[in-house]
Protein backbone atom coordinates (compact mmCIF):
# COMPACT_ATOMS: atom_id res chain seq x y z
CA UNK A 1 37.53 -51.98 -27.70
CA UNK A 2 40.07 -52.35 -24.88
CA UNK A 3 42.93 -52.31 -27.38
CA UNK A 4 41.93 -48.83 -28.63
CA UNK A 5 43.85 -45.95 -27.08
CA UNK A 6 41.38 -43.28 -26.00
CA UNK A 7 42.61 -40.23 -24.11
CA UNK A 8 39.75 -38.53 -22.24
CA UNK A 9 39.31 -34.81 -21.79
CA UNK A 10 41.43 -33.01 -19.19
CA UNK A 11 41.01 -29.26 -18.93
CA UNK A 12 41.17 -27.70 -22.40
CA UNK A 13 43.87 -30.01 -23.80
CA UNK A 14 41.68 -31.35 -26.61
CA UNK A 15 44.41 -30.73 -29.24
CA UNK A 16 46.75 -33.03 -27.32
CA UNK A 17 43.99 -35.64 -26.90
CA UNK A 18 43.12 -35.36 -30.59
CA UNK A 19 46.72 -36.02 -31.68
CA UNK A 20 47.34 -38.86 -29.25
CA UNK A 21 44.04 -40.55 -30.13
CA UNK A 22 44.94 -40.23 -33.79
CA UNK A 23 48.42 -41.71 -33.32
CA UNK A 24 47.12 -44.22 -30.72
CA UNK A 25 49.56 -43.47 -27.95
CA UNK A 26 50.99 -40.82 -25.62
CA UNK A 27 53.01 -39.13 -28.34
CA UNK A 28 52.54 -35.48 -27.34
CA UNK A 29 52.40 -33.58 -24.06
CA UNK A 30 51.31 -29.98 -23.41
CA UNK A 31 55.01 -29.08 -23.14
CA UNK A 32 55.70 -30.51 -26.62
CA UNK A 33 52.85 -28.56 -28.19
CA UNK A 34 53.78 -25.38 -26.30
CA UNK A 35 57.30 -25.67 -27.68
CA UNK A 36 55.95 -25.90 -31.24
CA UNK A 37 53.64 -22.93 -30.59
CA UNK A 38 56.52 -20.79 -29.28
CA UNK A 39 58.59 -21.72 -32.32
CA UNK A 40 55.77 -20.63 -34.63
CA UNK A 41 55.38 -17.38 -32.67
CA UNK A 42 59.09 -16.66 -33.07
CA UNK A 43 58.97 -17.35 -36.81
CA UNK A 44 56.02 -14.95 -37.15
CA UNK A 45 57.88 -12.32 -35.11
CA UNK A 46 60.93 -12.57 -37.36
CA UNK A 47 58.78 -12.17 -40.47
CA UNK A 48 57.11 -9.09 -38.99
CA UNK A 49 60.52 -7.67 -38.02
CA UNK A 50 61.58 -7.73 -41.67
CA UNK A 51 59.24 -4.78 -42.22
CA UNK A 52 61.10 -2.78 -39.59
CA UNK A 53 61.25 -3.29 -35.83
CA UNK A 54 60.22 0.32 -35.33
CA UNK A 55 57.10 0.03 -37.48
CA UNK A 56 53.61 0.38 -36.05
CA UNK A 57 52.67 -3.08 -37.36
CA UNK A 58 55.57 -4.71 -35.52
CA UNK A 59 54.79 -2.95 -32.22
CA UNK A 60 51.13 -3.93 -32.55
CA UNK A 61 52.14 -7.54 -33.24
CA UNK A 62 54.26 -7.67 -30.07
CA UNK A 63 51.34 -6.45 -27.96
CA UNK A 64 48.97 -9.12 -29.25
CA UNK A 65 48.64 -12.53 -27.54
CA UNK A 66 49.88 -15.65 -29.29
CA UNK A 67 47.67 -16.89 -32.10
CA UNK A 68 49.03 -20.42 -31.72
CA UNK A 69 48.17 -21.14 -28.08
CA UNK A 70 46.55 -19.66 -24.99
CA UNK A 71 46.61 -20.22 -21.24
CA UNK A 72 43.63 -22.59 -21.35
CA UNK A 73 45.57 -25.19 -23.36
CA UNK A 74 44.15 -24.43 -26.80
CA UNK A 75 46.50 -24.92 -29.78
CA UNK A 76 46.02 -23.72 -33.36
CA UNK A 77 45.77 -25.76 -36.55
CA UNK A 78 49.35 -24.66 -37.36
CA UNK A 79 50.59 -26.32 -34.16
CA UNK A 80 48.71 -29.53 -34.97
CA UNK A 81 49.96 -29.50 -38.56
CA UNK A 82 53.58 -29.05 -37.45
CA UNK A 83 53.20 -31.79 -34.84
CA UNK A 84 51.90 -34.23 -37.46
CA UNK A 85 54.62 -33.30 -39.95
CA UNK A 86 57.12 -34.88 -37.53
CA UNK A 87 55.49 -38.21 -38.41
CA UNK A 88 55.28 -37.45 -42.11
CA UNK A 89 51.54 -36.78 -41.93
CA UNK A 90 49.70 -34.07 -43.84
CA UNK A 91 46.38 -32.28 -43.33
CA UNK A 92 44.02 -31.64 -46.26
CA UNK A 93 40.84 -29.61 -45.85
CA UNK A 94 37.96 -32.02 -46.46
CA UNK A 95 35.52 -29.52 -47.95
CA UNK A 96 38.07 -27.77 -50.18
CA UNK A 97 37.32 -27.70 -53.90
CA UNK A 98 40.57 -29.50 -54.68
CA UNK A 99 39.69 -32.44 -52.43
CA UNK A 100 36.03 -32.59 -53.42
CA UNK A 101 37.03 -32.82 -57.09
CA UNK A 102 38.78 -36.10 -56.29
CA UNK A 103 35.38 -37.57 -55.27
CA UNK A 104 36.97 -39.96 -52.79
CA UNK A 105 34.62 -42.06 -50.67
CA UNK A 106 35.34 -41.17 -47.01
CA UNK A 107 35.55 -44.85 -46.03
CA UNK A 108 38.66 -45.14 -48.21
CA UNK A 109 40.53 -42.61 -46.06
CA UNK A 110 42.47 -43.43 -42.89
CA UNK A 111 41.47 -40.69 -40.47
CA UNK A 112 39.93 -37.26 -40.01
CA UNK A 113 40.55 -34.43 -37.57
CA UNK A 114 37.56 -32.23 -36.73
CA UNK A 115 37.58 -28.74 -35.23
CA UNK A 116 34.84 -26.43 -33.98
CA UNK A 117 35.86 -23.27 -32.14
CA UNK A 118 38.35 -24.51 -29.53
CA UNK A 119 37.57 -28.24 -29.63
CA UNK A 120 39.48 -30.85 -31.63
CA UNK A 121 38.75 -34.55 -32.00
CA UNK A 122 39.73 -37.53 -34.16
CA UNK A 123 37.78 -39.98 -36.30
CA UNK A 124 39.99 -42.91 -37.26
CA UNK A 125 39.80 -46.22 -39.07
CA UNK A 126 41.23 -49.13 -37.07
CA UNK A 127 41.31 -52.46 -38.86
CA UNK A 128 38.20 -52.38 -41.04
CA UNK A 129 36.06 -50.23 -38.74
CA UNK A 130 35.68 -46.53 -38.03
CA UNK A 131 35.68 -45.00 -34.56
CA UNK A 132 34.82 -41.61 -33.13
CA UNK A 133 37.65 -40.94 -30.66
CA UNK A 134 36.26 -37.69 -29.27
CA UNK A 135 37.92 -37.02 -25.91
CA UNK A 136 34.59 -35.75 -24.55
CA UNK A 137 33.17 -39.28 -24.76
CA UNK A 138 33.58 -41.93 -22.07
CA UNK A 139 35.04 -44.29 -24.69
CA UNK A 140 35.46 -44.93 -28.44
CA UNK A 141 32.26 -44.83 -30.49
CA UNK A 142 31.86 -47.32 -33.33
CA UNK A 143 30.78 -45.73 -36.63
CA UNK A 144 29.46 -47.88 -39.47
CA UNK A 145 30.70 -47.35 -43.03
CA UNK A 146 27.22 -46.25 -44.11
CA UNK A 147 26.96 -43.72 -41.28
CA UNK A 148 30.45 -42.20 -41.72
CA UNK A 149 29.53 -39.92 -44.65
CA UNK A 150 26.34 -38.81 -42.86
CA UNK A 151 28.30 -38.11 -39.68
CA UNK A 152 30.84 -35.96 -41.54
CA UNK A 153 28.03 -34.07 -43.31
CA UNK A 154 26.32 -33.48 -39.96
CA UNK A 155 29.54 -32.10 -38.47
CA UNK A 156 29.93 -29.73 -41.41
CA UNK A 157 26.38 -28.45 -40.91
CA UNK A 158 27.20 -27.82 -37.25
CA UNK A 159 30.14 -25.63 -38.30
CA UNK A 160 33.04 -28.06 -37.93
CA UNK A 161 36.15 -27.81 -40.08
CA UNK A 162 37.24 -31.30 -41.15
CA UNK A 163 40.74 -32.29 -42.23
CA UNK A 164 41.77 -35.49 -43.98
CA UNK A 165 44.93 -37.17 -42.68
CA UNK A 166 47.33 -38.27 -45.41
CA UNK A 167 50.45 -40.37 -44.82
CA UNK A 168 51.36 -43.55 -42.95
CA UNK A 169 50.12 -43.61 -39.37
CA UNK A 170 52.33 -45.34 -36.76
CA UNK A 171 51.65 -49.02 -36.08
CA UNK A 172 49.45 -49.73 -33.07
CA UNK A 173 47.97 -52.73 -31.25
CA UNK A 174 44.39 -51.75 -32.09
CA UNK A 175 45.16 -51.74 -35.82
CA UNK A 176 46.56 -55.27 -35.66
CA UNK A 177 43.85 -56.71 -33.41
CA UNK A 178 40.92 -55.11 -35.23
CA UNK A 179 42.46 -56.12 -38.55
CA UNK A 180 41.80 -59.73 -37.54
CA UNK A 181 38.44 -59.39 -35.81
CA UNK A 182 35.58 -56.92 -35.86
CA UNK A 183 33.99 -55.54 -32.73
CA UNK A 184 30.37 -54.83 -31.90
CA UNK A 185 29.06 -52.10 -29.64
CA UNK A 186 25.84 -52.74 -27.74
CA UNK A 187 25.63 -49.29 -26.18
CA UNK A 188 27.05 -46.00 -27.36
CA UNK A 189 29.41 -44.16 -25.01
CA UNK A 190 28.01 -41.14 -23.23
CA UNK A 191 29.46 -37.70 -22.85
CA UNK A 192 31.77 -37.36 -19.86
CA UNK A 193 29.75 -36.11 -16.90
CA UNK A 194 26.41 -37.08 -18.43
CA UNK A 195 25.74 -39.82 -15.84
CA UNK A 196 26.76 -37.46 -13.05
CA UNK A 197 24.44 -34.78 -14.40
CA UNK A 198 21.57 -37.26 -14.62
CA UNK A 199 22.34 -38.50 -11.11
CA UNK A 200 22.33 -34.92 -9.82
CA UNK A 201 19.01 -34.39 -11.56
CA UNK A 202 17.52 -37.46 -9.86
CA UNK A 203 18.87 -36.39 -6.45
CA UNK A 204 17.49 -32.90 -7.02
CA UNK A 205 14.04 -34.28 -7.81
CA UNK A 206 14.21 -36.53 -4.74
CA UNK A 207 15.23 -33.60 -2.55
CA UNK A 208 12.44 -31.50 -4.02
CA UNK A 209 9.98 -34.33 -3.31
CA UNK A 210 11.21 -34.57 0.29
CA UNK A 211 10.95 -30.80 0.65
CA UNK A 212 7.42 -30.92 -0.75
CA UNK A 213 6.52 -33.63 1.78
CA UNK A 214 8.08 -31.59 4.59
CA UNK A 215 6.17 -28.50 3.49
CA UNK A 216 2.94 -30.51 3.35
CA UNK A 217 3.56 -31.86 6.87
CA UNK A 218 4.29 -28.33 8.05
CA UNK A 219 1.07 -27.06 6.49
CA UNK A 220 -0.87 -29.85 8.21
CA UNK A 221 0.79 -29.08 11.55
CA UNK A 222 -0.03 -25.39 11.19
CA UNK A 223 -3.61 -26.22 10.29
CA UNK A 224 -3.97 -28.48 13.35
CA UNK A 225 -2.37 -25.80 15.50
CA UNK A 226 -4.84 -23.23 14.21
CA UNK A 227 -7.71 -25.65 14.89
CA UNK A 228 -6.47 -26.18 18.46
CA UNK A 229 -6.17 -22.43 18.93
CA UNK A 230 -9.69 -21.96 17.58
CA UNK A 231 -11.02 -24.62 20.00
CA UNK A 232 -9.18 -22.97 22.87
CA UNK A 233 -10.57 -19.59 21.83
CA UNK A 234 -14.09 -21.03 21.67
CA UNK A 235 -13.68 -22.59 25.13
CA UNK A 236 -12.38 -19.29 26.51
CA UNK A 237 -15.31 -17.43 24.95
CA UNK A 238 -17.69 -19.97 26.47
CA UNK A 239 -16.13 -19.57 29.91
CA UNK A 240 -16.37 -15.79 29.64
CA UNK A 241 -20.01 -16.07 28.55
CA UNK A 242 -20.80 -18.32 31.53
CA UNK A 243 -19.04 -15.92 33.91
CA UNK A 244 -20.95 -12.97 32.47
CA UNK A 245 -24.18 -14.94 32.76
CA UNK A 246 -23.43 -15.78 36.40
CA UNK A 247 -22.58 -12.17 37.14
CA UNK A 248 -25.86 -11.11 35.53
CA UNK A 249 -27.84 -13.52 37.72
CA UNK A 250 -26.09 -12.34 40.89
CA UNK A 251 -26.80 -8.72 40.01
CA UNK A 252 -30.48 -9.50 39.46
CA UNK A 253 -30.69 -11.25 42.85
CA UNK A 254 -29.11 -8.27 44.59
CA UNK A 255 -31.53 -5.89 42.86
CA UNK A 256 -34.51 -7.99 43.96
CA UNK A 257 -33.25 -8.05 47.56
CA UNK A 258 -32.85 -4.29 47.53
CA UNK A 259 -36.37 -3.84 46.20
CA UNK A 260 -37.85 -6.05 48.95
CA UNK A 261 -36.08 -4.08 51.68
CA UNK A 262 -37.44 -0.84 50.29
CA UNK A 263 -41.03 -2.13 50.33
CA UNK A 264 -40.73 -3.13 53.96
């Protein structure tokens, strides 16, 4: 597995990661892909200008953002296709009627590029084994020959567009090493950030448990405080009752003394 080049996700540069993971090396940078995108934009502008630079369609075209790239780092299929053409590689839509008529077993292909919305990733055969080189994973994921067709079908159901790579891919160390020996994978790679999310979840539960314990202690303290206050109130009531009782006795004594003096 160590011989496999796997570029992990940075920002929204999945098109770059997809291409480099396919070619197994740092072949393209954001600057390279931006240059291709600008070239495509200029070619489209020149075609639109043929209809008249004063036309409403041309003015509307100039006001629209590029369809080949955006500020987040997303690049279109045209950019990827042009980038691969430099290496003599071609993209063929996997679920097109023309390709499906050929009835080619997917395991006999060399690689696939998959796209859903703004995410691109590569599935490639290295040696005699298939690997999911999705940049969102912490590492390459081994795919068995029997699971490959099911995996592609699952991606299609999820809305992915899949492209077959045709042509000779550049030589790479992983191809040579895995051509001699097969690898085994005991544990599948996780999504980037999955461990961190799980760790945060554990810490959150621990914090909630501590907070629950603190709240329980606070409730107990308040209950004891109320009990103490009730005892103090009872003692105060008792003292007042005793004082009132003593005052009552003194008043009775004074009344009796007054009565005796009157009789005399």
